[in-house]
Amino acid sequence: MEFLALIAGITACVFLVQSLKAKGLISQLRMELGSRQNELKSSEEEVVSLRQQLDRELKELERFKDILDAETEAARILGEARSERNRLLQQAQAKVNQAEDRLQQAVADAAKIIADAQTRAEQVAGDALAAMGKAKHYADAAQAMKNVVEGYGDAYIVPTYNLLDDLAEEFGFTEAGQKLKAARDFTRFMVKAGRAAACDYVETNRRDTAVRFVVDAFNGKVDSILSRSKSDNHGKLEQEIRDAAALVNLNGAPFRNARINEEYLVSRLEELRWAVTAKLLKDQEREEQRQLREQIREEEKARREYERAIKEAAKEEATLRKALEKAQEQVAAASAAERAEFEARLALLQEQLQAAEDKNQRALSMAQQTRAGHVYVISNIGSFGEQVFKIGMTRRLEPLDRVRELGDASVPFEFDVHAMIFSDDAPGLEKQLHRHFLREQVNKVNPRKEFFRIGLPAIRAELEELGVETQWTMSAKALEFKETQRIEQQIIENPAIAAEWTRHQLEVEEAIELSEEEALASA
């Protein structure tokens, strides 16, 4: 509000000054006529002064009288002095003639200027309106200075998905790169064609110099800004470019309003748009490749698990068959007293063989099915806080192995399992849950992150709605996290415990380092 009040005050002052200028214009013109007469008199005095200067210079020549061939040298110098004197006299006479011409022109123009004075006075209101038009120019420059001094912070962050709204679904990084190249080519064309900036100088040399000045200054700032473009800072960098244009235009105002054209500003903003878009698409492509590699690794681990389970089940089955055949032989050869014991052992072996056959068949079935697996619901209070759950899927024969891997090095605490659901179509079930809880995604930018901020009862209710029943653990144990909190409190309250804990941690680290060194040595 204070800034707007300042602009209004400036506008009023401009209006008043223009009015006073119109009233005093005639007086100024009369003064100008007197001034030009004085100028003519000054020119005559300048001629006299030049003649006196020449006399002084001739006296200076006398100090060369002792050099060899002094007469010749003096004649030469005297001739040069006379030539210089004549030249200066001619210049002085030309200035006198110019002064007389200007005086005559001033007299001729006086009548016209006086006649136009009233018309110009009537245009004061129009000048005031033009001053108001410049108010936005100064306001933009002031805001740009404020941004440069205070920084941009989060005020100009723009969601990056907006950049992809008008792109085709199959639009790839290659096309975006081509668009960026085309935008840069057009920018260079505008500079060569003289369309990048403008200036009000009439003289070609001055105009070209002023235009180069503002274009070079603006391009230097923009090139530096573009070098920092990433997939998540488009809004901030766009404002920086606009501010750069405002400041360059402000600095170019004294050079007859040297300024960057709006068309050229739009062209450079288009460069930024495609640079950020290209990087965004490249980041997405990189993330897709990472997810694909992760999926391939997961599938490969699952395949190896199935193969190992099948081999182990087949080996166990073969061992049990041999033991069963031996037990049958023992039953046949046993006495009546021994028969009951061998028959009981035979029944147990038959049960174990059936279990081994079932396990073998289950592993073989899961290996043959490409969509069978487990959907899990897990949490990590120590790492992500309350009410944040990961809903994922694994095709591992032992799905808890995948959960343990997730809690290894990437997070400080292990995960708690709330539900482990077997499904013949695990990817389909996982996708249904992800879509249903789309608005609850923790990461609103990358939909491939599988964390959701939601209550556990809501997840359970949705699974029940889908007809999926499983065992639930509604409360998280978070054993490591809770134990860590307890230790932290004890360390704060008791220095002795703090010292003991520190000693114990150092011993553990030394043991780990020793174990790693032994492993390297044995390798």
Protein backbone atom coordinates (compact mmCIF):
# COMPACT_ATOMS: atom_id res chain seq x y z
CA MET A 1 0.00 0.00 0.00
CA GLU A 2 2.87 2.42 0.82
CA PHE A 3 4.45 1.68 -2.55
CA LEU A 4 1.15 2.45 -4.38
CA ALA A 5 0.83 5.70 -2.42
CA LEU A 6 4.36 6.62 -3.48
CA ILE A 7 3.51 5.97 -7.14
CA ALA A 8 0.38 8.16 -6.84
CA GLY A 9 2.47 10.95 -5.33
CA ILE A 10 5.01 10.71 -8.14
CA THR A 11 2.20 10.93 -10.72
CA ALA A 12 0.76 14.07 -9.09
CA CYS A 13 4.19 15.69 -9.00
CA VAL A 14 4.72 14.94 -12.68
CA PHE A 15 1.38 16.60 -13.49
CA LEU A 16 2.29 19.74 -11.49
CA VAL A 17 5.78 19.98 -12.98
CA GLN A 18 4.47 19.68 -16.55
CA SER A 19 1.93 22.46 -15.90
CA LEU A 20 4.63 24.79 -14.54
CA LYS A 21 6.89 23.94 -17.47
CA ALA A 22 4.24 25.02 -19.97
CA LYS A 23 3.75 28.37 -18.20
CA GLY A 24 7.47 29.12 -18.00
CA LEU A 25 8.34 27.96 -21.50
CA ILE A 26 8.00 31.41 -23.15
CA SER A 27 10.29 33.00 -20.55
CA GLN A 28 12.85 30.30 -21.14
CA LEU A 29 12.81 30.92 -24.87
CA ARG A 30 13.48 34.65 -24.39
CA MET A 31 16.36 33.72 -22.08
CA GLU A 32 17.66 31.33 -24.73
CA LEU A 33 17.81 34.17 -27.33
CA GLY A 34 19.89 36.23 -24.92
CA SER A 35 22.04 33.23 -24.21
CA ARG A 36 22.79 32.70 -27.89
CA GLN A 37 23.76 36.36 -28.32
CA ASN A 38 26.13 35.91 -25.38
CA GLU A 39 27.45 32.79 -27.08
CA LEU A 40 28.31 34.82 -30.19
CA LYS A 41 30.17 37.31 -28.05
CA SER A 42 31.91 34.43 -26.30
CA SER A 43 33.08 33.07 -29.69
CA GLU A 44 34.67 36.43 -30.57
CA GLU A 45 36.42 36.45 -27.23
CA GLU A 46 37.62 32.91 -27.95
CA VAL A 47 39.26 34.13 -31.19
CA VAL A 48 41.13 36.82 -29.25
CA SER A 49 42.15 34.20 -26.70
CA LEU A 50 43.46 31.91 -29.45
CA ARG A 51 45.54 34.72 -30.91
CA GLN A 52 47.05 35.38 -27.49
CA GLN A 53 47.78 31.68 -27.11
CA LEU A 54 49.59 31.63 -30.45
CA ASP A 55 51.74 34.56 -29.34
CA ARG A 56 52.69 32.66 -26.20
CA GLU A 57 53.55 29.57 -28.23
CA LEU A 58 55.82 31.66 -30.53
CA LYS A 59 57.70 32.88 -27.49
CA GLU A 60 58.13 29.27 -26.40
CA LEU A 61 59.88 28.53 -29.68
CA GLU A 62 62.77 30.81 -28.68
CA ARG A 63 64.15 28.09 -26.37
CA PHE A 64 65.11 26.04 -29.44
CA LYS A 65 67.49 28.74 -30.81
CA ASP A 66 70.61 26.85 -29.66
CA ILE A 67 69.98 23.59 -31.58
CA LEU A 68 71.89 22.71 -34.77
CA ASP A 69 70.62 24.51 -37.82
CA ALA A 70 68.47 26.65 -35.52
CA GLU A 71 67.33 28.90 -38.28
CA THR A 72 65.95 26.05 -40.36
CA GLU A 73 64.33 24.40 -37.34
CA ALA A 74 62.83 27.67 -36.20
CA ALA A 75 61.46 28.33 -39.67
CA ARG A 76 59.88 24.89 -39.72
CA ILE A 77 58.37 25.25 -36.28
CA LEU A 78 57.20 28.77 -37.07
CA GLY A 79 55.56 27.52 -40.24
CA GLU A 80 53.77 24.77 -38.33
CA ALA A 81 52.69 27.27 -35.72
CA ARG A 82 51.31 29.60 -38.35
CA SER A 83 49.49 26.70 -40.00
CA GLU A 84 48.06 25.70 -36.64
CA ARG A 85 47.12 29.31 -35.94
CA ASN A 86 45.33 29.56 -39.29
CA ARG A 87 43.52 26.30 -38.61
CA LEU A 88 42.41 27.48 -35.18
CA LEU A 89 41.31 30.80 -36.63
CA GLN A 90 39.28 28.97 -39.25
CA GLN A 91 37.70 26.80 -36.55
CA ALA A 92 36.93 29.86 -34.47
CA GLN A 93 35.40 31.61 -37.48
CA ALA A 94 33.32 28.48 -38.19
CA LYS A 95 32.08 28.50 -34.61
CA VAL A 96 31.18 32.18 -34.96
CA ASN A 97 29.26 31.39 -38.15
CA GLN A 98 27.51 28.47 -36.46
CA ALA A 99 26.59 30.67 -33.52
CA GLU A 100 25.13 33.26 -35.87
CA ASP A 101 23.21 30.57 -37.73
CA ARG A 102 21.87 29.16 -34.47
CA LEU A 103 20.88 32.60 -33.33
CA GLN A 104 18.98 33.19 -36.55
CA GLN A 105 17.38 29.74 -36.28
CA ALA A 106 16.45 30.43 -32.67
CA VAL A 107 14.75 33.66 -33.69
CA ALA A 108 12.91 31.82 -36.46
CA ASP A 109 11.89 29.00 -34.14
CA ALA A 110 10.84 31.28 -31.31
CA ALA A 111 7.55 32.21 -32.92
CA LYS A 112 6.72 28.56 -33.62
CA ILE A 113 7.69 27.46 -30.10
CA ILE A 114 5.62 30.22 -28.55
CA ALA A 115 2.67 29.21 -30.74
CA ASP A 116 3.07 25.60 -29.69
CA ALA A 117 3.39 26.44 -26.01
CA GLN A 118 -0.35 26.55 -25.46
CA THR A 119 -0.81 23.26 -27.31
CA ARG A 120 1.87 21.59 -25.21
CA ALA A 121 0.29 22.92 -22.06
CA GLU A 122 -2.90 21.15 -23.07
CA GLN A 123 -0.92 17.94 -23.44
CA VAL A 124 0.20 17.99 -19.81
CA ALA A 125 -2.65 15.75 -18.83
CA GLY A 126 -1.51 13.30 -21.47
CA ASP A 127 2.05 13.41 -20.11
CA ALA A 128 0.71 12.70 -16.66
CA LEU A 129 -1.09 9.65 -18.09
CA ALA A 130 2.19 8.47 -19.63
CA ALA A 131 3.84 8.86 -16.23
CA MET A 132 1.18 6.59 -14.78
CA GLY A 133 1.99 4.08 -17.50
CA LYS A 134 5.60 4.10 -16.33
CA ALA A 135 4.45 3.37 -12.79
CA LYS A 136 4.14 -0.37 -13.55
CA HIS A 137 7.62 -0.30 -15.07
CA TYR A 138 9.04 1.12 -11.84
CA ALA A 139 6.89 -1.22 -9.73
CA ASP A 140 8.25 -4.28 -11.58
CA ALA A 141 11.80 -3.00 -11.13
CA ALA A 142 11.19 -2.42 -7.40
CA GLN A 143 9.76 -5.94 -6.98
CA ALA A 144 12.73 -7.37 -8.87
CA MET A 145 15.15 -5.55 -6.54
CA LYS A 146 13.21 -6.86 -3.54
CA ASN A 147 13.41 -10.43 -4.87
CA VAL A 148 17.15 -10.13 -5.50
CA VAL A 149 17.79 -8.76 -2.00
CA GLU A 150 15.41 -10.97 0.00
CA GLY A 151 15.61 -14.11 -2.15
CA TYR A 152 12.82 -16.04 -3.82
CA GLY A 153 12.12 -18.70 -1.19
CA ASP A 154 9.05 -20.82 -1.97
CA ALA A 155 6.93 -17.98 -3.37
CA TYR A 156 7.52 -18.94 -7.01
CA ILE A 157 7.52 -22.75 -6.75
CA VAL A 158 5.30 -24.18 -9.49
CA PRO A 159 4.15 -27.85 -9.51
CA THR A 160 6.22 -29.46 -12.26
CA TYR A 161 3.36 -31.57 -13.59
CA ASN A 162 1.88 -28.34 -15.04
CA LEU A 163 4.68 -28.35 -17.63
CA LEU A 164 3.40 -31.65 -19.04
CA ASP A 165 -0.29 -30.73 -19.35
CA ASP A 166 -0.07 -29.93 -23.06
CA LEU A 167 2.36 -32.72 -23.99
CA ALA A 168 1.27 -35.89 -25.72
CA GLU A 169 1.34 -39.03 -23.63
CA GLU A 170 4.12 -40.51 -25.70
CA PHE A 171 6.19 -37.31 -25.64
CA GLY A 172 9.77 -38.30 -24.91
CA PHE A 173 13.01 -36.65 -23.89
CA THR A 174 14.21 -36.58 -27.51
CA GLU A 175 11.30 -34.43 -28.66
CA ALA A 176 11.69 -32.10 -25.68
CA GLY A 177 15.36 -31.73 -26.50
CA GLN A 178 14.46 -30.82 -30.08
CA LYS A 179 11.97 -28.22 -28.86
CA LEU A 180 14.66 -26.73 -26.62
CA LYS A 181 17.09 -26.54 -29.54
CA ALA A 182 14.43 -24.84 -31.68
CA ALA A 183 13.74 -22.29 -28.93
CA ARG A 184 17.46 -21.46 -28.66
CA ASP A 185 17.78 -21.14 -32.44
CA PHE A 186 14.86 -18.71 -32.48
CA THR A 187 16.48 -16.66 -29.70
CA ARG A 188 19.71 -16.35 -31.71
CA PHE A 189 17.70 -15.39 -34.81
CA MET A 190 15.97 -12.57 -32.91
CA VAL A 191 19.32 -11.15 -31.80
CA LYS A 192 20.72 -11.24 -35.36
CA ALA A 193 17.53 -9.70 -36.76
CA GLY A 194 17.65 -6.83 -34.27
CA ARG A 195 14.36 -7.86 -32.64
CA ALA A 196 15.73 -8.55 -29.16
CA ALA A 197 15.81 -4.96 -27.89
CA ALA A 198 14.88 -1.41 -28.85
CA CYS A 199 16.14 2.13 -28.18
CA ASP A 200 14.95 5.67 -28.95
CA TYR A 201 18.33 7.01 -30.15
CA VAL A 202 18.10 8.40 -33.70
CA GLU A 203 21.80 7.98 -34.47
CA THR A 204 22.46 4.44 -35.72
CA ASN A 205 25.76 4.04 -33.89
CA ARG A 206 24.38 5.12 -30.53
CA ARG A 207 21.25 3.05 -30.97
CA ASP A 208 23.22 -0.10 -31.85
CA THR A 209 25.58 0.42 -28.91
CA ALA A 210 22.71 0.85 -26.43
CA VAL A 211 20.86 -2.18 -27.83
CA ARG A 212 23.97 -4.36 -27.56
CA PHE A 213 24.46 -3.16 -23.99
CA VAL A 214 21.00 -4.24 -22.79
CA VAL A 215 20.96 -7.48 -24.82
CA ASP A 216 24.38 -8.55 -23.52
CA ALA A 217 23.43 -7.67 -19.93
CA PHE A 218 20.12 -9.53 -20.16
CA ASN A 219 21.57 -12.60 -21.90
CA GLY A 220 24.36 -12.84 -19.35
CA LYS A 221 21.82 -13.00 -16.52
CA VAL A 222 19.50 -15.41 -18.36
CA ASP A 223 22.29 -17.80 -19.38
CA SER A 224 23.39 -17.97 -15.74
CA ILE A 225 19.79 -18.66 -14.67
CA LEU A 226 19.27 -21.35 -17.33
CA SER A 227 22.43 -23.13 -16.17
CA ARG A 228 20.64 -23.77 -12.85
CA SER A 229 17.47 -25.20 -14.38
CA LYS A 230 16.20 -28.42 -12.81
CA SER A 231 12.98 -30.36 -12.94
CA ASP A 232 11.57 -28.67 -9.83
CA ASN A 233 12.50 -24.96 -10.01
CA HIS A 234 10.68 -23.66 -13.11
CA GLY A 235 8.54 -21.08 -11.29
CA LYS A 236 11.43 -19.56 -9.38
CA LEU A 237 13.70 -19.31 -12.43
CA GLU A 238 10.91 -17.81 -14.54
CA GLN A 239 10.50 -15.02 -12.00
CA GLU A 240 14.27 -14.50 -11.92
CA ILE A 241 14.28 -14.01 -15.71
CA ARG A 242 11.38 -11.56 -15.54
CA ASP A 243 13.18 -9.66 -12.77
CA ALA A 244 16.37 -9.59 -14.85
CA ALA A 245 14.43 -8.00 -17.72
CA ALA A 246 12.89 -5.41 -15.37
CA LEU A 247 16.29 -4.44 -13.92
CA VAL A 248 18.01 -4.28 -17.31
CA ASN A 249 15.21 -2.07 -18.65
CA LEU A 250 15.51 0.18 -15.61
CA ASN A 251 19.28 0.52 -16.10
CA GLY A 252 18.80 1.11 -19.83
CA ALA A 253 16.31 3.96 -19.33
CA PRO A 254 19.01 6.72 -19.25
CA PHE A 255 20.20 5.53 -22.71
CA ARG A 256 17.10 6.81 -24.48
CA ASN A 257 14.93 4.07 -23.02
CA ALA A 258 17.09 1.13 -24.18
CA ARG A 259 15.00 -1.93 -23.33
CA ILE A 260 14.44 -5.65 -23.88
CA ASN A 261 11.47 -6.35 -26.15
CA GLU A 262 8.61 -8.37 -24.69
CA GLU A 263 8.85 -10.80 -27.62
CA TYR A 264 12.48 -11.56 -26.75
CA LEU A 265 11.62 -12.05 -23.06
CA VAL A 266 8.93 -14.56 -24.09
CA SER A 267 11.46 -16.35 -26.30
CA ARG A 268 13.94 -16.78 -23.44
CA LEU A 269 11.14 -17.92 -21.13
CA GLU A 270 10.27 -20.52 -23.76
CA GLU A 271 13.87 -21.75 -23.56
CA LEU A 272 13.50 -22.15 -19.82
CA ARG A 273 10.20 -23.98 -20.23
CA TRP A 274 11.63 -26.60 -22.56
CA ALA A 275 14.88 -26.90 -20.59
CA VAL A 276 12.94 -27.73 -17.42
CA THR A 277 10.52 -29.97 -19.34
CA ALA A 278 13.38 -31.91 -20.90
CA LYS A 279 15.01 -32.42 -17.51
CA LEU A 280 11.69 -33.41 -15.97
CA LEU A 281 11.11 -36.02 -18.67
CA LYS A 282 14.66 -37.25 -18.30
CA ASP A 283 14.22 -37.57 -14.53
CA GLN A 284 10.97 -39.47 -15.05
CA GLU A 285 12.67 -41.75 -17.55
CA ARG A 286 15.50 -42.34 -15.09
CA GLU A 287 13.00 -43.11 -12.32
CA GLU A 288 11.12 -45.51 -14.59
CA GLN A 289 14.37 -47.29 -15.43
CA ARG A 290 15.23 -47.48 -11.73
CA GLN A 291 11.81 -48.95 -10.95
CA LEU A 292 12.18 -51.41 -13.82
CA ARG A 293 15.61 -52.50 -12.59
CA GLU A 294 14.19 -52.86 -9.08
CA GLN A 295 11.33 -54.96 -10.42
CA ILE A 296 13.73 -57.14 -12.42
CA ARG A 297 15.91 -57.67 -9.33
CA GLU A 298 12.84 -58.52 -7.27
CA GLU A 299 11.60 -60.98 -9.89
CA GLU A 300 15.05 -62.53 -10.14
CA LYS A 301 15.21 -62.99 -6.37
CA ALA A 302 11.73 -64.51 -6.40
CA ARG A 303 12.72 -66.87 -9.23
CA ARG A 304 15.82 -68.01 -7.36
CA GLU A 305 13.74 -68.55 -4.22
CA TYR A 306 11.24 -70.69 -6.12
CA GLU A 307 14.00 -72.72 -7.77
CA ARG A 308 15.75 -73.24 -4.44
CA ALA A 309 12.47 -74.17 -2.74
CA ILE A 310 11.62 -76.65 -5.50
CA LYS A 311 15.06 -78.27 -5.25
CA GLU A 312 14.93 -78.43 -1.46
CA ALA A 313 11.39 -79.80 -1.50
CA ALA A 314 12.36 -82.43 -4.10
CA LYS A 315 15.42 -83.40 -2.06
CA GLU A 316 13.37 -83.60 1.13
CA GLU A 317 10.72 -85.61 -0.68
CA ALA A 318 13.31 -88.09 -1.99
CA THR A 319 14.84 -88.47 1.48
CA LEU A 320 11.43 -89.09 3.02
CA ARG A 321 10.54 -91.67 0.35
CA LYS A 322 13.71 -93.59 1.11
CA ALA A 323 12.96 -93.38 4.83
CA LEU A 324 9.38 -94.48 4.13
CA GLU A 325 10.50 -97.51 2.08
CA LYS A 326 12.92 -98.48 4.84
CA ALA A 327 10.19 -98.10 7.45
CA GLN A 328 7.83 -100.28 5.38
CA GLU A 329 10.51 -102.97 5.21
CA GLN A 330 11.00 -102.72 8.97
CA VAL A 331 7.25 -103.05 9.54
CA ALA A 332 7.13 -106.15 7.36
CA ALA A 333 10.05 -107.77 9.21
CA ALA A 334 9.10 -106.61 12.69
CA SER A 335 7.64 -108.79 15.40
CA ALA A 336 4.20 -108.16 16.78
CA ALA A 337 5.67 -106.19 19.71
CA GLU A 338 7.75 -103.99 17.42
CA ARG A 339 5.09 -103.54 14.72
CA ALA A 340 3.10 -100.83 16.56
CA GLU A 341 6.20 -98.63 16.99
CA PHE A 342 7.27 -98.97 13.35
CA GLU A 343 3.71 -98.34 12.10
CA ALA A 344 3.56 -95.09 14.11
CA ARG A 345 6.89 -94.04 12.61
CA LEU A 346 5.60 -95.02 9.16
CA ALA A 347 2.48 -92.83 9.61
CA LEU A 348 4.64 -89.88 10.67
CA LEU A 349 6.87 -90.29 7.62
CA GLN A 350 3.80 -90.46 5.36
CA GLU A 351 2.56 -87.16 6.84
CA GLN A 352 5.96 -85.53 6.35
CA LEU A 353 6.11 -86.81 2.77
CA GLN A 354 2.68 -85.35 2.04
CA ALA A 355 3.76 -81.99 3.50
CA ALA A 356 6.92 -82.05 1.37
CA GLU A 357 4.89 -82.85 -1.76
CA ASP A 358 2.47 -80.00 -0.96
CA LYS A 359 5.37 -77.57 -0.43
CA ASN A 360 6.97 -78.66 -3.69
CA GLN A 361 3.69 -78.24 -5.54
CA ARG A 362 3.07 -74.80 -4.02
CA ALA A 363 6.55 -73.57 -4.97
CA LEU A 364 6.15 -74.96 -8.48
CA SER A 365 2.71 -73.35 -8.81
CA MET A 366 3.94 -69.92 -7.68
CA ALA A 367 6.94 -70.14 -10.01
CA GLN A 368 4.58 -70.82 -12.93
CA GLN A 369 2.20 -67.99 -12.00
CA THR A 370 3.51 -64.56 -12.97
CA ARG A 371 1.00 -62.56 -10.87
CA ALA A 372 0.74 -64.56 -7.66
CA GLY A 373 2.36 -62.96 -4.65
CA HIS A 374 1.81 -61.09 -1.40
CA VAL A 375 0.53 -57.55 -0.82
CA TYR A 376 1.90 -56.13 2.43
CA VAL A 377 0.93 -53.24 4.69
CA ILE A 378 3.87 -52.07 6.82
CA SER A 379 4.83 -49.01 8.89
CA ASN A 380 7.96 -47.43 10.33
CA ILE A 381 7.06 -44.95 13.06
CA GLY A 382 10.66 -44.09 13.88
CA SER A 383 11.43 -43.18 10.25
CA PHE A 384 8.17 -41.70 8.95
CA GLY A 385 5.98 -40.98 11.97
CA GLU A 386 2.47 -42.04 12.90
CA GLN A 387 -0.27 -42.84 10.36
CA VAL A 388 2.13 -43.42 7.46
CA PHE A 389 1.95 -46.85 5.79
CA LYS A 390 3.67 -48.47 2.84
CA ILE A 391 1.43 -50.63 0.65
CA GLY A 392 3.61 -52.78 -1.57
CA MET A 393 3.81 -56.14 -3.31
CA THR A 394 6.35 -58.97 -3.55
CA ARG A 395 6.40 -62.31 -5.33
CA ARG A 396 8.96 -63.77 -2.93
CA LEU A 397 8.24 -67.22 -1.57
CA GLU A 398 9.18 -65.75 1.81
CA PRO A 399 7.66 -62.23 1.67
CA LEU A 400 9.14 -61.21 5.02
CA ASP A 401 12.58 -61.31 3.39
CA ARG A 402 11.48 -58.35 1.25
CA VAL A 403 10.28 -56.45 4.35
CA ARG A 404 13.63 -57.04 6.07
CA GLU A 405 15.46 -55.74 3.00
CA LEU A 406 13.41 -52.53 3.07
CA GLY A 407 14.43 -51.98 6.68
CA ASP A 408 18.15 -52.61 6.17
CA ALA A 409 20.23 -49.54 5.22
CA SER A 410 17.74 -47.10 3.70
CA VAL A 411 15.91 -46.30 6.96
CA PRO A 412 17.14 -46.05 10.58
CA PHE A 413 14.60 -48.52 12.00
CA GLU A 414 13.02 -51.80 10.92
CA PHE A 415 9.45 -52.00 9.55
CA ASP A 416 6.45 -53.42 11.40
CA VAL A 417 4.13 -55.72 9.43
CA HIS A 418 0.41 -55.05 9.87
CA ALA A 419 -0.88 -57.37 7.13
CA MET A 420 0.57 -59.88 4.64
CA ILE A 421 -2.04 -60.84 2.04
CA PHE A 422 -1.56 -63.63 -0.49
CA SER A 423 -3.28 -63.02 -3.82
CA ASP A 424 -3.37 -64.79 -7.17
CA ASP A 425 -3.23 -61.29 -8.70
CA ALA A 426 -0.97 -59.37 -6.32
CA PRO A 427 -0.14 -56.54 -8.82
CA GLY A 428 -3.85 -56.02 -9.47
CA LEU A 429 -4.72 -55.86 -5.76
CA GLU A 430 -1.85 -53.49 -5.08
CA LYS A 431 -2.96 -51.22 -7.94
CA GLN A 432 -6.55 -51.16 -6.63
CA LEU A 433 -5.38 -50.03 -3.20
CA HIS A 434 -3.02 -47.41 -4.63
CA ARG A 435 -5.77 -45.91 -6.77
CA HIS A 436 -8.29 -45.90 -3.93
CA PHE A 437 -5.89 -44.04 -1.63
CA LEU A 438 -4.50 -41.78 -4.39
CA ARG A 439 -5.28 -38.55 -2.53
CA GLU A 440 -3.50 -39.85 0.58
CA GLN A 441 -0.11 -40.30 -1.16
CA VAL A 442 2.68 -38.80 0.95
CA ASN A 443 4.66 -37.86 -2.19
CA LYS A 444 2.32 -35.91 -4.47
CA VAL A 445 4.97 -35.56 -7.20
CA ASN A 446 6.20 -39.14 -7.70
CA PRO A 447 3.28 -41.61 -7.76
CA ARG A 448 5.71 -44.56 -7.69
CA LYS A 449 6.39 -43.94 -4.01
CA GLU A 450 4.11 -46.33 -2.11
CA PHE A 451 3.68 -44.41 1.15
CA PHE A 452 0.25 -43.18 2.25
CA ARG A 453 -0.80 -40.96 5.16
CA ILE A 454 -3.98 -42.64 6.37
CA GLY A 455 -5.39 -44.55 9.29
CA LEU A 456 -4.87 -48.32 9.36
CA PRO A 457 -8.62 -48.98 9.89
CA ALA A 458 -9.34 -47.30 6.53
CA ILE A 459 -6.96 -49.72 4.74
CA ARG A 460 -8.53 -52.67 6.51
CA ALA A 461 -12.04 -51.48 5.64
CA GLU A 462 -11.16 -51.14 1.95
CA LEU A 463 -9.70 -54.66 1.83
CA GLU A 464 -12.82 -56.04 3.49
CA GLU A 465 -14.90 -54.13 0.92
CA LEU A 466 -12.90 -55.93 -1.79
CA GLY A 467 -13.66 -59.25 -0.11
CA VAL A 468 -10.09 -59.78 1.09
CA GLU A 469 -9.67 -61.28 4.55
CA THR A 470 -6.39 -61.63 6.38
CA GLN A 471 -4.79 -61.48 9.80
CA TRP A 472 -4.12 -57.94 11.08
CA THR A 473 -1.76 -56.46 13.64
CA MET A 474 -3.28 -53.07 14.37
CA SER A 475 -0.60 -51.69 16.69
CA ALA A 476 3.02 -51.19 15.69
CA LYS A 477 5.67 -52.67 17.97
CA ALA A 478 8.42 -50.28 16.83
CA LEU A 479 10.79 -52.02 19.25
CA GLU A 480 14.03 -50.40 18.05
CA PHE A 481 12.45 -46.94 17.96
CA LYS A 482 10.95 -47.20 21.44
CA GLU A 483 14.18 -48.63 22.86
CA THR A 484 16.10 -45.76 21.22
CA GLN A 485 13.78 -43.22 22.86
CA ARG A 486 14.30 -44.88 26.24
CA ILE A 487 18.12 -44.81 25.83
CA GLU A 488 18.05 -41.16 24.76
CA GLN A 489 16.08 -40.23 27.87
CA GLN A 490 18.49 -42.14 30.11
CA ILE A 491 21.49 -40.48 28.47
CA ILE A 492 19.98 -37.07 29.16
CA GLU A 493 19.17 -37.89 32.78
CA ASN A 494 22.24 -39.94 33.81
CA PRO A 495 25.83 -39.09 32.72
CA ALA A 496 27.06 -42.52 33.88
CA ILE A 497 24.66 -44.28 31.53
CA ALA A 498 25.75 -41.91 28.73
CA ALA A 499 29.40 -42.86 29.29
CA GLU A 500 28.60 -46.59 29.44
CA TRP A 501 26.53 -46.42 26.27
CA THR A 502 29.31 -44.55 24.44
CA ARG A 503 31.89 -47.16 25.51
CA HIS A 504 29.62 -49.99 24.39
CA GLN A 505 29.01 -48.37 20.97
CA LEU A 506 32.75 -47.92 20.39
CA GLU A 507 33.35 -51.59 21.21
CA VAL A 508 30.61 -52.65 18.79
CA GLU A 509 32.08 -50.46 16.03
CA GLU A 510 35.56 -51.94 16.60
CA ALA A 511 34.12 -55.46 16.42
CA ILE A 512 32.35 -54.62 13.15
CA GLU A 513 35.52 -53.13 11.64
CA LEU A 514 37.54 -56.20 12.71
CA SER A 515 34.95 -58.51 11.19
CA GLU A 516 35.00 -56.58 7.90
CA GLU A 517 38.82 -56.65 7.77
CA GLU A 518 38.83 -60.42 8.36
CA ALA A 519 36.25 -60.89 5.63
CA LEU A 520 38.36 -58.84 3.19
CA ALA A 521 41.49 -60.76 4.14
CA SER A 522 39.80 -64.13 3.60
CA ALA A 523 38.41 -62.97 0.26
